[in-house]
Amino acid sequence: MKNYALPLLGMAALSIASLTVPADAKADELVPFKIVNGNSIPASLTGKAGDPAKGRDVAINRKKGNCLACHVMPIPEQPYHGEVGPDLNGLADRLSEGEIRLQLVNPKTNNPATIMPAFYRTEGLHRVAKNFQGKPMLTAEEVEDVVAYLMTLK
């Protein structure tokens, strides 16, 4: 896959709400976010920056992010990197933080044909594992941690 830019397929920008994170929000509840220009969620889901070290751990965890299933990454200690998705080396040079965040939250916004799962979505999904039914695969904090880690890949 040589084109690393997220394709924009003329989808209308989705506006869900301004970012507000209720103090009593549960880890498996979605916080509101706003998609800007149809291709980016510029504001943090948690209102703060993520932790890149925690994000690396989530990204390579085979029961969480599992990015290695589809992507080559600078993770030499883990064997068997996938090659279905683009190489993530240099990702932060190709995409903005907001574009990366949207790609994790709901990649189908930019590419309805993608096989990449939505890590922060609960509606309109198919073949959802029982332990993920009704809740996102990653929490808002985990999304922000993965975004922070991916932003180090320059």
N, C-alpha and C. Protein backbone atom coordinates (compact mmCIF):
# COMPACT_ATOMS: atom_id res chain seq x y z
N MET A 1 0.85 -1.16 0.00
CA MET A 1 0.00 0.00 0.00
C MET A 1 0.90 1.22 0.00
N LYS A 2 0.95 1.98 -1.06
CA LYS A 2 1.88 3.08 -1.18
C LYS A 2 1.27 4.42 -0.81
N ASN A 3 -0.01 4.60 -0.94
CA ASN A 3 -0.64 5.87 -0.61
C ASN A 3 -0.97 5.90 0.88
N TYR A 4 -0.22 6.70 1.63
CA TYR A 4 -0.40 6.73 3.07
C TYR A 4 -1.36 7.81 3.52
N ALA A 5 -1.77 8.66 2.62
CA ALA A 5 -2.73 9.70 2.99
C ALA A 5 -4.10 9.07 3.18
N LEU A 6 -4.85 9.60 4.10
CA LEU A 6 -6.21 9.11 4.31
C LEU A 6 -7.08 9.62 3.17
N PRO A 7 -7.72 8.75 2.42
CA PRO A 7 -8.55 9.23 1.31
C PRO A 7 -9.79 9.93 1.83
N LEU A 8 -10.08 11.05 1.22
CA LEU A 8 -11.30 11.77 1.55
C LEU A 8 -12.29 11.46 0.46
N LEU A 9 -13.38 10.86 0.82
CA LEU A 9 -14.35 10.40 -0.16
C LEU A 9 -15.59 11.29 -0.20
N GLY A 10 -15.41 12.55 0.07
CA GLY A 10 -16.52 13.47 -0.01
C GLY A 10 -17.55 13.30 1.09
N MET A 11 -17.16 12.65 2.16
CA MET A 11 -18.11 12.46 3.26
C MET A 11 -18.28 13.77 4.00
N ALA A 12 -19.48 14.07 4.36
CA ALA A 12 -19.76 15.31 5.08
C ALA A 12 -19.11 15.25 6.45
N ALA A 13 -18.67 16.38 6.91
CA ALA A 13 -18.08 16.45 8.25
C ALA A 13 -19.15 16.13 9.27
N LEU A 14 -18.78 15.31 10.20
CA LEU A 14 -19.70 14.95 11.27
C LEU A 14 -19.45 15.87 12.45
N SER A 15 -20.49 16.38 13.02
CA SER A 15 -20.35 17.23 14.19
C SER A 15 -21.18 16.60 15.30
N ILE A 16 -20.52 15.99 16.24
CA ILE A 16 -21.23 15.28 17.28
C ILE A 16 -21.52 16.18 18.47
N ALA A 17 -20.56 16.96 18.89
CA ALA A 17 -20.76 17.92 19.97
C ALA A 17 -19.42 18.52 20.31
N SER A 18 -19.44 19.56 21.05
CA SER A 18 -18.18 20.11 21.53
C SER A 18 -17.61 19.16 22.55
N LEU A 19 -16.29 19.17 22.68
CA LEU A 19 -15.64 18.26 23.60
C LEU A 19 -15.95 18.66 25.03
N THR A 20 -16.61 17.76 25.74
CA THR A 20 -16.81 17.91 27.16
C THR A 20 -16.68 16.52 27.76
N VAL A 21 -15.91 16.42 28.79
CA VAL A 21 -15.71 15.12 29.42
C VAL A 21 -16.32 15.18 30.81
N PRO A 22 -17.47 14.53 30.99
CA PRO A 22 -18.09 14.53 32.30
C PRO A 22 -17.19 13.88 33.34
N ALA A 23 -17.12 14.46 34.53
CA ALA A 23 -16.26 13.93 35.58
C ALA A 23 -16.66 12.52 35.98
N ASP A 24 -17.94 12.17 35.83
CA ASP A 24 -18.40 10.85 36.25
C ASP A 24 -18.51 9.87 35.07
N ALA A 25 -17.88 10.18 33.92
CA ALA A 25 -17.96 9.29 32.76
C ALA A 25 -17.28 7.96 33.08
N LYS A 26 -17.90 6.88 32.70
CA LYS A 26 -17.34 5.56 32.90
C LYS A 26 -16.36 5.26 31.78
N ALA A 27 -15.41 4.37 32.02
CA ALA A 27 -14.36 4.06 31.05
C ALA A 27 -14.93 3.54 29.74
N ASP A 28 -16.08 2.85 29.78
CA ASP A 28 -16.60 2.27 28.54
C ASP A 28 -17.65 3.16 27.87
N GLU A 29 -17.89 4.36 28.39
CA GLU A 29 -18.82 5.29 27.77
C GLU A 29 -18.04 6.21 26.83
N LEU A 30 -18.63 6.51 25.68
CA LEU A 30 -17.99 7.41 24.74
C LEU A 30 -18.15 8.85 25.18
N VAL A 31 -17.08 9.61 25.10
CA VAL A 31 -17.18 11.05 25.36
C VAL A 31 -17.45 11.73 24.03
N PRO A 32 -18.17 12.84 24.05
CA PRO A 32 -18.45 13.55 22.81
C PRO A 32 -17.18 14.11 22.19
N PHE A 33 -17.15 14.16 20.86
CA PHE A 33 -16.02 14.74 20.15
C PHE A 33 -16.54 15.38 18.88
N LYS A 34 -15.71 16.19 18.26
CA LYS A 34 -16.11 16.89 17.04
C LYS A 34 -15.13 16.58 15.92
N ILE A 35 -15.66 16.14 14.78
CA ILE A 35 -14.85 15.90 13.59
C ILE A 35 -14.82 17.20 12.80
N VAL A 36 -13.63 17.65 12.45
CA VAL A 36 -13.43 18.91 11.75
C VAL A 36 -12.97 18.62 10.32
N ASN A 37 -13.56 19.31 9.37
CA ASN A 37 -13.22 19.17 7.95
C ASN A 37 -13.37 17.74 7.44
N GLY A 38 -14.13 16.93 8.14
CA GLY A 38 -14.38 15.56 7.70
C GLY A 38 -13.21 14.62 7.83
N ASN A 39 -12.06 15.08 8.34
CA ASN A 39 -10.90 14.19 8.38
C ASN A 39 -10.06 14.27 9.65
N SER A 40 -10.57 14.94 10.69
CA SER A 40 -9.72 15.15 11.86
C SER A 40 -10.57 15.34 13.12
N ILE A 41 -10.05 14.83 14.23
CA ILE A 41 -10.57 15.15 15.56
C ILE A 41 -9.42 15.86 16.26
N PRO A 42 -9.33 17.18 16.12
CA PRO A 42 -8.16 17.89 16.65
C PRO A 42 -8.08 17.92 18.18
N ALA A 43 -9.20 17.88 18.87
CA ALA A 43 -9.20 17.99 20.33
C ALA A 43 -9.07 16.62 20.98
N SER A 44 -8.28 16.57 22.03
CA SER A 44 -8.12 15.34 22.81
C SER A 44 -9.47 14.85 23.33
N LEU A 45 -9.66 13.56 23.35
CA LEU A 45 -10.89 12.98 23.89
C LEU A 45 -10.98 13.14 25.40
N THR A 46 -9.83 13.29 26.04
CA THR A 46 -9.80 13.39 27.50
C THR A 46 -9.55 14.80 27.99
N GLY A 47 -9.22 15.70 27.07
CA GLY A 47 -8.88 17.06 27.47
C GLY A 47 -7.42 17.22 27.85
N LYS A 48 -6.64 16.17 27.71
CA LYS A 48 -5.21 16.25 28.02
C LYS A 48 -4.44 15.33 27.08
N ALA A 49 -3.14 15.54 27.02
CA ALA A 49 -2.27 14.72 26.16
C ALA A 49 -2.13 13.32 26.73
N GLY A 50 -1.96 12.36 25.84
CA GLY A 50 -1.74 10.99 26.26
C GLY A 50 -0.30 10.73 26.64
N ASP A 51 -0.05 9.54 27.13
CA ASP A 51 1.28 9.10 27.55
C ASP A 51 1.84 8.18 26.47
N PRO A 52 2.91 8.58 25.77
CA PRO A 52 3.43 7.77 24.67
C PRO A 52 3.90 6.37 25.10
N ALA A 53 4.46 6.25 26.30
CA ALA A 53 4.92 4.93 26.76
C ALA A 53 3.74 3.99 26.97
N LYS A 54 2.67 4.50 27.58
CA LYS A 54 1.46 3.68 27.74
C LYS A 54 0.85 3.37 26.37
N GLY A 55 0.88 4.35 25.47
CA GLY A 55 0.34 4.15 24.13
C GLY A 55 1.07 3.07 23.36
N ARG A 56 2.38 3.01 23.51
CA ARG A 56 3.16 1.95 22.86
C ARG A 56 2.71 0.60 23.39
N ASP A 57 2.53 0.52 24.70
CA ASP A 57 2.08 -0.75 25.30
C ASP A 57 0.71 -1.16 24.77
N VAL A 58 -0.22 -0.21 24.66
CA VAL A 58 -1.56 -0.51 24.14
C VAL A 58 -1.46 -0.94 22.68
N ALA A 59 -0.67 -0.22 21.90
CA ALA A 59 -0.55 -0.49 20.46
C ALA A 59 -0.04 -1.90 20.18
N ILE A 60 0.87 -2.40 21.00
CA ILE A 60 1.45 -3.72 20.72
C ILE A 60 0.76 -4.85 21.49
N ASN A 61 -0.17 -4.49 22.37
CA ASN A 61 -0.89 -5.49 23.14
C ASN A 61 -1.86 -6.23 22.21
N ARG A 62 -1.69 -7.51 22.06
CA ARG A 62 -2.49 -8.30 21.12
C ARG A 62 -3.96 -8.39 21.52
N LYS A 63 -4.30 -8.00 22.75
CA LYS A 63 -5.70 -8.02 23.20
C LYS A 63 -6.28 -6.62 23.31
N LYS A 64 -5.52 -5.61 22.93
CA LYS A 64 -5.99 -4.21 23.00
C LYS A 64 -5.92 -3.59 21.61
N GLY A 65 -4.87 -2.80 21.36
CA GLY A 65 -4.72 -2.13 20.08
C GLY A 65 -4.40 -3.08 18.95
N ASN A 66 -3.47 -3.99 19.20
CA ASN A 66 -3.08 -5.02 18.24
C ASN A 66 -2.69 -4.42 16.89
N CYS A 67 -2.04 -3.28 16.90
CA CYS A 67 -1.63 -2.62 15.66
C CYS A 67 -0.71 -3.50 14.83
N LEU A 68 0.09 -4.33 15.50
CA LEU A 68 1.05 -5.19 14.79
C LEU A 68 0.37 -6.24 13.91
N ALA A 69 -0.90 -6.50 14.13
CA ALA A 69 -1.59 -7.48 13.29
C ALA A 69 -1.64 -7.02 11.84
N CYS A 70 -1.67 -5.71 11.63
CA CYS A 70 -1.81 -5.17 10.27
C CYS A 70 -0.70 -4.24 9.84
N HIS A 71 0.10 -3.74 10.79
CA HIS A 71 1.08 -2.70 10.47
C HIS A 71 2.49 -3.09 10.89
N VAL A 72 3.46 -2.70 10.06
CA VAL A 72 4.86 -2.75 10.45
C VAL A 72 5.09 -1.54 11.35
N MET A 73 5.79 -1.79 12.46
CA MET A 73 6.05 -0.73 13.43
C MET A 73 7.49 -0.86 13.92
N PRO A 74 8.04 0.21 14.50
CA PRO A 74 9.39 0.12 15.06
C PRO A 74 9.39 -0.59 16.41
N ILE A 75 8.99 -1.85 16.39
CA ILE A 75 8.89 -2.67 17.60
C ILE A 75 9.69 -3.97 17.32
N PRO A 76 11.02 -3.89 17.35
CA PRO A 76 11.82 -5.05 16.95
C PRO A 76 11.67 -6.27 17.86
N GLU A 77 11.28 -6.06 19.11
CA GLU A 77 11.16 -7.19 20.04
C GLU A 77 9.91 -8.04 19.80
N GLN A 78 8.99 -7.54 18.97
CA GLN A 78 7.77 -8.29 18.66
C GLN A 78 7.86 -8.84 17.23
N PRO A 79 7.73 -10.15 17.07
CA PRO A 79 7.78 -10.72 15.72
C PRO A 79 6.42 -10.61 15.01
N TYR A 80 6.44 -10.91 13.75
CA TYR A 80 5.22 -11.08 12.95
C TYR A 80 4.39 -9.81 12.80
N HIS A 81 4.97 -8.81 12.23
CA HIS A 81 4.23 -7.58 11.94
C HIS A 81 3.41 -7.80 10.67
N GLY A 82 2.20 -7.30 10.66
CA GLY A 82 1.34 -7.42 9.49
C GLY A 82 1.74 -6.43 8.41
N GLU A 83 1.24 -6.69 7.22
CA GLU A 83 1.54 -5.80 6.10
C GLU A 83 0.28 -5.43 5.33
N VAL A 84 -0.88 -5.60 5.95
CA VAL A 84 -2.15 -5.25 5.30
C VAL A 84 -2.32 -3.74 5.28
N GLY A 85 -1.99 -3.08 6.38
CA GLY A 85 -2.09 -1.63 6.48
C GLY A 85 -0.76 -0.99 6.19
N PRO A 86 -0.73 0.33 6.14
CA PRO A 86 0.53 1.02 5.86
C PRO A 86 1.54 0.86 7.00
N ASP A 87 2.80 0.94 6.65
CA ASP A 87 3.89 0.95 7.61
C ASP A 87 3.70 2.18 8.50
N LEU A 88 3.77 2.01 9.81
CA LEU A 88 3.55 3.14 10.71
C LEU A 88 4.83 3.93 11.01
N ASN A 89 5.97 3.44 10.54
CA ASN A 89 7.19 4.23 10.67
C ASN A 89 7.00 5.54 9.92
N GLY A 90 7.25 6.66 10.56
CA GLY A 90 7.10 7.96 9.93
C GLY A 90 5.67 8.46 9.84
N LEU A 91 4.74 7.80 10.53
CA LEU A 91 3.33 8.18 10.46
C LEU A 91 3.11 9.65 10.82
N ALA A 92 3.79 10.14 11.86
CA ALA A 92 3.59 11.51 12.32
C ALA A 92 4.10 12.53 11.30
N ASP A 93 4.88 12.11 10.34
CA ASP A 93 5.30 13.00 9.25
C ASP A 93 4.24 13.06 8.16
N ARG A 94 3.34 12.08 8.13
CA ARG A 94 2.33 12.01 7.08
C ARG A 94 0.96 12.50 7.52
N LEU A 95 0.63 12.33 8.80
CA LEU A 95 -0.70 12.69 9.30
C LEU A 95 -0.57 13.58 10.53
N SER A 96 -1.57 14.43 10.72
CA SER A 96 -1.61 15.28 11.91
C SER A 96 -2.12 14.46 13.09
N GLU A 97 -1.99 15.02 14.27
CA GLU A 97 -2.50 14.36 15.48
C GLU A 97 -4.00 14.12 15.36
N GLY A 98 -4.73 15.11 14.87
CA GLY A 98 -6.18 14.97 14.71
C GLY A 98 -6.57 13.92 13.69
N GLU A 99 -5.80 13.80 12.61
CA GLU A 99 -6.07 12.76 11.60
C GLU A 99 -5.81 11.37 12.17
N ILE A 100 -4.75 11.25 12.96
CA ILE A 100 -4.45 9.96 13.60
C ILE A 100 -5.57 9.61 14.59
N ARG A 101 -6.01 10.59 15.36
CA ARG A 101 -7.07 10.35 16.34
C ARG A 101 -8.34 9.85 15.64
N LEU A 102 -8.74 10.50 14.55
CA LEU A 102 -9.94 10.06 13.83
C LEU A 102 -9.74 8.66 13.25
N GLN A 103 -8.55 8.36 12.77
CA GLN A 103 -8.28 7.04 12.22
C GLN A 103 -8.47 5.96 13.28
N LEU A 104 -8.10 6.26 14.51
CA LEU A 104 -8.30 5.30 15.60
C LEU A 104 -9.77 5.24 16.02
N VAL A 105 -10.40 6.38 16.14
CA VAL A 105 -11.79 6.45 16.59
C VAL A 105 -12.72 5.75 15.61
N ASN A 106 -12.65 6.13 14.34
CA ASN A 106 -13.53 5.55 13.33
C ASN A 106 -12.93 5.72 11.94
N PRO A 107 -12.09 4.78 11.51
CA PRO A 107 -11.42 4.90 10.21
C PRO A 107 -12.37 4.91 9.02
N LYS A 108 -13.57 4.40 9.20
CA LYS A 108 -14.53 4.37 8.09
C LYS A 108 -15.05 5.76 7.72
N THR A 109 -14.82 6.75 8.56
CA THR A 109 -15.21 8.12 8.24
C THR A 109 -14.49 8.58 6.97
N ASN A 110 -13.21 8.24 6.86
CA ASN A 110 -12.42 8.64 5.70
C ASN A 110 -12.37 7.58 4.61
N ASN A 111 -12.53 6.34 4.97
CA ASN A 111 -12.45 5.26 4.00
C ASN A 111 -13.46 4.17 4.37
N PRO A 112 -14.68 4.25 3.83
CA PRO A 112 -15.70 3.27 4.18
C PRO A 112 -15.33 1.82 3.86
N ALA A 113 -14.37 1.61 2.98
CA ALA A 113 -13.98 0.26 2.59
C ALA A 113 -12.84 -0.32 3.44
N THR A 114 -12.32 0.45 4.37
CA THR A 114 -11.20 -0.03 5.17
C THR A 114 -11.59 -1.24 6.01
N ILE A 115 -10.60 -2.09 6.26
CA ILE A 115 -10.84 -3.22 7.17
C ILE A 115 -10.35 -2.89 8.59
N MET A 116 -9.78 -1.71 8.76
CA MET A 116 -9.31 -1.31 10.09
C MET A 116 -10.52 -1.15 11.01
N PRO A 117 -10.44 -1.71 12.20
CA PRO A 117 -11.56 -1.58 13.14
C PRO A 117 -11.64 -0.19 13.75
N ALA A 118 -12.82 0.18 14.18
CA ALA A 118 -13.03 1.42 14.92
C ALA A 118 -12.77 1.12 16.39
N PHE A 119 -11.79 1.78 16.96
CA PHE A 119 -11.40 1.49 18.34
C PHE A 119 -12.20 2.29 19.36
N TYR A 120 -12.94 3.30 18.90
CA TYR A 120 -13.70 4.12 19.84
C TYR A 120 -15.09 4.38 19.28
N ARG A 121 -15.80 3.30 19.05
CA ARG A 121 -17.14 3.36 18.47
C ARG A 121 -17.93 2.17 19.01
N THR A 122 -19.24 2.34 19.17
CA THR A 122 -20.06 1.25 19.67
C THR A 122 -21.26 0.95 18.78
N GLU A 123 -21.62 1.85 17.89
CA GLU A 123 -22.82 1.69 17.06
C GLU A 123 -22.45 1.32 15.62
N GLY A 124 -23.33 0.57 14.96
CA GLY A 124 -23.16 0.26 13.55
C GLY A 124 -22.04 -0.72 13.26
N LEU A 125 -21.64 -1.50 14.23
CA LEU A 125 -20.56 -2.46 14.05
C LEU A 125 -21.13 -3.85 13.76
N HIS A 126 -20.33 -4.68 13.13
CA HIS A 126 -20.75 -6.04 12.79
C HIS A 126 -19.75 -7.04 13.38
N ARG A 127 -20.22 -8.21 13.72
CA ARG A 127 -19.38 -9.29 14.23
C ARG A 127 -18.52 -8.83 15.41
N VAL A 128 -19.15 -8.23 16.39
CA VAL A 128 -18.44 -7.72 17.56
C VAL A 128 -18.27 -8.85 18.58
N ALA A 129 -17.04 -9.02 19.06
CA ALA A 129 -16.77 -10.01 20.09
C ALA A 129 -17.63 -9.72 21.31
N LYS A 130 -18.07 -10.77 21.97
CA LYS A 130 -18.99 -10.64 23.10
C LYS A 130 -18.47 -9.67 24.16
N ASN A 131 -17.18 -9.73 24.47
CA ASN A 131 -16.64 -8.87 25.52
C ASN A 131 -16.52 -7.40 25.11
N PHE A 132 -16.77 -7.09 23.83
CA PHE A 132 -16.73 -5.70 23.37
C PHE A 132 -18.10 -5.16 23.00
N GLN A 133 -19.15 -5.97 23.11
CA GLN A 133 -20.48 -5.51 22.73
C GLN A 133 -20.92 -4.36 23.64
N GLY A 134 -21.30 -3.24 23.01
CA GLY A 134 -21.79 -2.09 23.74
C GLY A 134 -20.73 -1.21 24.35
N LYS A 135 -19.46 -1.51 24.11
CA LYS A 135 -18.40 -0.66 24.63
C LYS A 135 -17.28 -0.57 23.61
N PRO A 136 -16.51 0.50 23.65
CA PRO A 136 -15.41 0.65 22.69
C PRO A 136 -14.27 -0.30 23.02
N MET A 137 -13.46 -0.61 22.01
CA MET A 137 -12.30 -1.49 22.23
C MET A 137 -11.25 -0.80 23.10
N LEU A 138 -11.13 0.52 22.95
CA LEU A 138 -10.19 1.29 23.76
C LEU A 138 -10.95 2.39 24.50
N THR A 139 -10.47 2.76 25.67
CA THR A 139 -11.03 3.89 26.39
C THR A 139 -10.53 5.18 25.75
N ALA A 140 -11.13 6.29 26.10
CA ALA A 140 -10.68 7.59 25.60
C ALA A 140 -9.22 7.82 26.00
N GLU A 141 -8.86 7.46 27.20
CA GLU A 141 -7.48 7.62 27.65
C GLU A 141 -6.52 6.75 26.84
N GLU A 142 -6.92 5.52 26.56
CA GLU A 142 -6.07 4.64 25.75
C GLU A 142 -5.92 5.17 24.33
N VAL A 143 -6.99 5.72 23.76
CA VAL A 143 -6.88 6.33 22.43
C VAL A 143 -5.85 7.45 22.47
N GLU A 144 -5.95 8.31 23.48
CA GLU A 144 -5.01 9.43 23.59
C GLU A 144 -3.58 8.94 23.81
N ASP A 145 -3.40 7.87 24.55
CA ASP A 145 -2.06 7.31 24.75
C ASP A 145 -1.51 6.78 23.43
N VAL A 146 -2.32 6.09 22.65
CA VAL A 146 -1.87 5.56 21.35
C VAL A 146 -1.56 6.72 20.40
N VAL A 147 -2.41 7.74 20.39
CA VAL A 147 -2.13 8.92 19.56
C VAL A 147 -0.79 9.52 19.95
N ALA A 148 -0.53 9.68 21.25
CA ALA A 148 0.73 10.25 21.72
C ALA A 148 1.91 9.40 21.24
N TYR A 149 1.77 8.08 21.33
CA TYR A 149 2.84 7.20 20.86
C TYR A 149 3.03 7.33 19.34
N LEU A 150 1.94 7.27 18.59
CA LEU A 150 2.07 7.36 17.14
C LEU A 150 2.66 8.69 16.68
N MET A 151 2.44 9.75 17.46
CA MET A 151 3.03 11.05 17.13
C MET A 151 4.54 11.06 17.33
N THR A 152 5.09 10.06 18.00
CA THR A 152 6.55 9.97 18.13
C THR A 152 7.17 9.29 16.92
N LEU A 153 6.36 8.70 16.05
CA LEU A 153 6.88 7.96 14.90
C LEU A 153 7.12 8.91 13.74
N LYS A 154 8.27 9.56 13.76
CA LYS A 154 8.64 10.54 12.72
C LYS A 154 9.76 10.01 11.88
